[in-house]
């Protein structure tokens, strides 16, 4: 039971890290587009 919980926890951490990375990438792209529009 504990091993299954560990697997679930690592999957959760992985998805959170991936989500954060995607979010940061999206914000960077949006910021670049906005600066290009205003220049």
PDB file of N, CA and C in Angstrom:
ATOM      1  N   UNK A   1       0.838  -1.206   0.000  1.00  0.00           N
ATOM      2  CA  UNK A   1       0.000   0.000   0.000  1.00  0.00           C
ATOM      3  C   UNK A   1       0.880   1.266   0.000  1.00  0.00           C
ATOM      4  N   UNK A   2       1.935   1.219   0.810  1.00  0.00           N
ATOM      5  CA  UNK A   2       2.799   2.400   0.878  1.00  0.00           C
ATOM      6  C   UNK A   2       3.509   2.658  -0.437  1.00  0.00           C
ATOM      7  N   UNK A   3       3.894   1.566  -1.111  1.00  0.00           N
ATOM      8  CA  UNK A   3       4.602   1.713  -2.391  1.00  0.00           C
ATOM      9  C   UNK A   3       3.692   2.392  -3.422  1.00  0.00           C
ATOM     10  N   UNK A   4       2.415   2.019  -3.413  1.00  0.00           N
ATOM     11  CA  UNK A   4       1.459   2.633  -4.338  1.00  0.00           C
ATOM     12  C   UNK A   4       1.324   4.126  -4.034  1.00  0.00           C
ATOM     13  N   UNK A   5       1.317   4.461  -2.755  1.00  0.00           N
ATOM     14  CA  UNK A   5       1.208   5.859  -2.351  1.00  0.00           C
ATOM     15  C   UNK A   5       2.427   6.650  -2.813  1.00  0.00           C
ATOM     16  N   UNK A   6       3.604   6.041  -2.696  1.00  0.00           N
ATOM     17  CA  UNK A   6       4.828   6.705  -3.151  1.00  0.00           C
ATOM     18  C   UNK A   6       4.772   6.978  -4.650  1.00  0.00           C
ATOM     19  N   UNK A   7       4.289   6.001  -5.406  1.00  0.00           N
ATOM     20  CA  UNK A   7       4.178   6.151  -6.856  1.00  0.00           C
ATOM     21  C   UNK A   7       3.224   7.295  -7.192  1.00  0.00           C
ATOM     22  N   UNK A   8       2.091   7.333  -6.490  1.00  0.00           N
ATOM     23  CA  UNK A   8       1.107   8.385  -6.709  1.00  0.00           C
ATOM     24  C   UNK A   8       1.718   9.749  -6.392  1.00  0.00           C
ATOM     25  N   UNK A   9       2.476   9.805  -5.290  1.00  0.00           N
ATOM     26  CA  UNK A   9       3.109  11.056  -4.881  1.00  0.00           C
ATOM     27  C   UNK A   9       4.105  11.542  -5.926  1.00  0.00           C
ATOM     28  N   UNK A  10       4.930  10.623  -6.438  1.00  0.00           N
ATOM     29  CA  UNK A  10       5.918  11.021  -7.451  1.00  0.00           C
ATOM     30  C   UNK A  10       5.236  11.463  -8.740  1.00  0.00           C
ATOM     31  N   UNK A  11       4.119  10.816  -9.082  1.00  0.00           N
ATOM     32  CA  UNK A  11       3.364  11.227 -10.273  1.00  0.00           C
ATOM     33  C   UNK A  11       2.808  12.634 -10.072  1.00  0.00           C
ATOM     34  N   UNK A  12       2.320  12.906  -8.859  1.00  0.00           N
ATOM     35  CA  UNK A  12       1.765  14.222  -8.538  1.00  0.00           C
ATOM     36  C   UNK A  12       2.845  15.293  -8.656  1.00  0.00           C
ATOM     37  N   UNK A  13       4.021  15.013  -8.079  1.00  0.00           N
ATOM     38  CA  UNK A  13       5.137  15.961  -8.141  1.00  0.00           C
ATOM     39  C   UNK A  13       5.553  16.211  -9.589  1.00  0.00           C
ATOM     40  N   UNK A  14       5.609  15.135 -10.380  1.00  0.00           N
ATOM     41  CA  UNK A  14       6.001  15.259 -11.786  1.00  0.00           C
ATOM     42  C   UNK A  14       5.013  16.138 -12.546  1.00  0.00           C
ATOM     43  N   UNK A  15       3.715  15.895 -12.340  1.00  0.00           N
ATOM     44  CA  UNK A  15       2.707  16.680 -13.062  1.00  0.00           C
ATOM     45  C   UNK A  15       2.725  18.141 -12.621  1.00  0.00           C
ATOM     46  N   UNK A  16       2.993  18.394 -11.335  1.00  0.00           N
ATOM     47  CA  UNK A  16       3.069  19.773 -10.853  1.00  0.00           C
ATOM     48  C   UNK A  16       4.267  20.484 -11.485  1.00  0.00           C
ATOM     49  N   UNK A  17       5.414  19.777 -11.550  1.00  0.00           N
ATOM     50  CA  UNK A  17       6.616  20.361 -12.166  1.00  0.00           C
ATOM     51  C   UNK A  17       6.368  20.658 -13.643  1.00  0.00           C
ATOM     52  N   UNK A  18       5.753  19.702 -14.347  1.00  0.00           N
ATOM     53  CA  UNK A  18       5.457  19.895 -15.766  1.00  0.00           C
ATOM     54  C   UNK A  18       4.487  21.051 -15.957  1.00  0.00           C
ATOM     55  N   UNK A  19       3.464  21.109 -15.112  1.00  0.00           N
ATOM     56  CA  UNK A  19       2.480  22.179 -15.194  1.00  0.00           C
ATOM     57  C   UNK A  19       3.120  23.545 -14.982  1.00  0.00           C
ATOM     58  N   UNK A  20       4.005  23.631 -13.991  1.00  0.00           N
ATOM     59  CA  UNK A  20       4.699  24.882 -13.724  1.00  0.00           C
ATOM     60  C   UNK A  20       5.582  25.298 -14.886  1.00  0.00           C
ATOM     61  N   UNK A  21       6.256  24.309 -15.477  1.00  0.00           N
ATOM     62  CA  UNK A  21       7.138  24.590 -16.617  1.00  0.00           C
ATOM     63  C   UNK A  21       6.331  25.102 -17.804  1.00  0.00           C
ATOM     64  N   UNK A  22       5.207  24.450 -18.091  1.00  0.00           N
ATOM     65  CA  UNK A  22       4.344  24.865 -19.204  1.00  0.00           C
ATOM     66  C   UNK A  22       3.797  26.268 -18.951  1.00  0.00           C
ATOM     67  N   UNK A  23       3.408  26.524 -17.696  1.00  0.00           N
ATOM     68  CA  UNK A  23       2.868  27.832 -17.337  1.00  0.00           C
ATOM     69  C   UNK A  23       3.917  28.925 -17.549  1.00  0.00           C
ATOM     70  N   UNK A  24       5.148  28.666 -17.079  1.00  0.00           N
ATOM     71  CA  UNK A  24       6.229  29.646 -17.253  1.00  0.00           C
ATOM     72  C   UNK A  24       6.530  29.887 -18.722  1.00  0.00           C
ATOM     73  N   UNK A  25       6.547  28.813 -19.507  1.00  0.00           N
ATOM     74  CA  UNK A  25       6.809  28.943 -20.944  1.00  0.00           C
ATOM     75  C   UNK A  25       5.714  29.780 -21.606  1.00  0.00           C
ATOM     76  N   UNK A  26       4.467  29.513 -21.238  1.00  0.00           N
ATOM     77  CA  UNK A  26       3.341  30.255 -21.790  1.00  0.00           C
ATOM     78  C   UNK A  26       3.417  31.733 -21.446  1.00  0.00           C
ATOM     79  N   UNK A  27       3.769  32.028 -20.195  1.00  0.00           N
ATOM     80  CA  UNK A  27       3.888  33.419 -19.759  1.00  0.00           C
ATOM     81  C   UNK A  27       4.995  34.129 -20.533  1.00  0.00           C
ATOM     82  N   UNK A  28       6.114  33.424 -20.734  1.00  0.00           N
ATOM     83  CA  UNK A  28       7.240  34.004 -21.480  1.00  0.00           C
ATOM     84  C   UNK A  28       6.833  34.325 -22.913  1.00  0.00           C
ATOM     85  N   UNK A  29       6.125  33.392 -23.553  1.00  0.00           N
ATOM     86  CA  UNK A  29       5.680  33.599 -24.937  1.00  0.00           C
ATOM     87  C   UNK A  29       4.720  34.786 -25.018  1.00  0.00           C
ATOM     88  N   UNK A  30       3.764  34.836 -24.092  1.00  0.00           N
ATOM     89  CA  UNK A  30       2.795  35.933 -24.080  1.00  0.00           C
ATOM     90  C   UNK A  30       3.505  37.271 -23.868  1.00  0.00           C
ATOM     91  N   UNK A  31       4.475  37.305 -22.951  1.00  0.00           N
ATOM     92  CA  UNK A  31       5.222  38.539 -22.688  1.00  0.00           C
ATOM     93  C   UNK A  31       5.979  38.982 -23.939  1.00  0.00           C
ATOM     94  N   UNK A  32       6.582  38.034 -24.649  1.00  0.00           N
ATOM     95  CA  UNK A  32       7.308  38.360 -25.886  1.00  0.00           C
ATOM     96  C   UNK A  32       6.360  38.925 -26.936  1.00  0.00           C
ATOM     97  N   UNK A  33       5.201  38.319 -27.083  1.00  0.00           N
ATOM     98  CA  UNK A  33       4.217  38.789 -28.066  1.00  0.00           C
ATOM     99  C   UNK A  33       3.751  40.199 -27.713  1.00  0.00           C
ATOM    100  N   UNK A  34       3.487  40.442 -26.433  1.00  0.00           N
ATOM    101  CA  UNK A  34       3.018  41.763 -26.000  1.00  0.00           C
ATOM    102  C   UNK A  34       4.078  42.829 -26.271  1.00  0.00           C
ATOM    103  N   UNK A  35       5.341  42.527 -25.942  1.00  0.00           N
ATOM    104  CA  UNK A  35       6.403  43.517 -26.178  1.00  0.00           C
ATOM    105  C   UNK A  35       6.583  43.783 -27.667  1.00  0.00           C
ATOM    106  N   UNK A  36       6.422  42.766 -28.495  1.00  0.00           N
ATOM    107  CA  UNK A  36       6.534  42.956 -29.943  1.00  0.00           C
ATOM    108  C   UNK A  36       5.376  43.807 -30.462  1.00  0.00           C
ATOM    109  N   UNK A  37       4.188  43.609 -29.899  1.00  0.00           N
ATOM    110  CA  UNK A  37       3.028  44.386 -30.337  1.00  0.00           C
ATOM    111  C   UNK A  37       3.201  45.865 -30.002  1.00  0.00           C
ATOM    112  N   UNK A  38       3.784  46.166 -28.848  1.00  0.00           N
ATOM    113  CA  UNK A  38       3.916  47.551 -28.412  1.00  0.00           C
ATOM    114  C   UNK A  38       5.134  48.250 -28.999  1.00  0.00           C
ATOM    115  N   UNK A  39       6.022  47.505 -29.639  1.00  0.00           N
ATOM    116  CA  UNK A  39       7.217  48.133 -30.225  1.00  0.00           C
ATOM    117  C   UNK A  39       6.991  48.530 -31.670  1.00  0.00           C
TER     118      UNK A  39
END
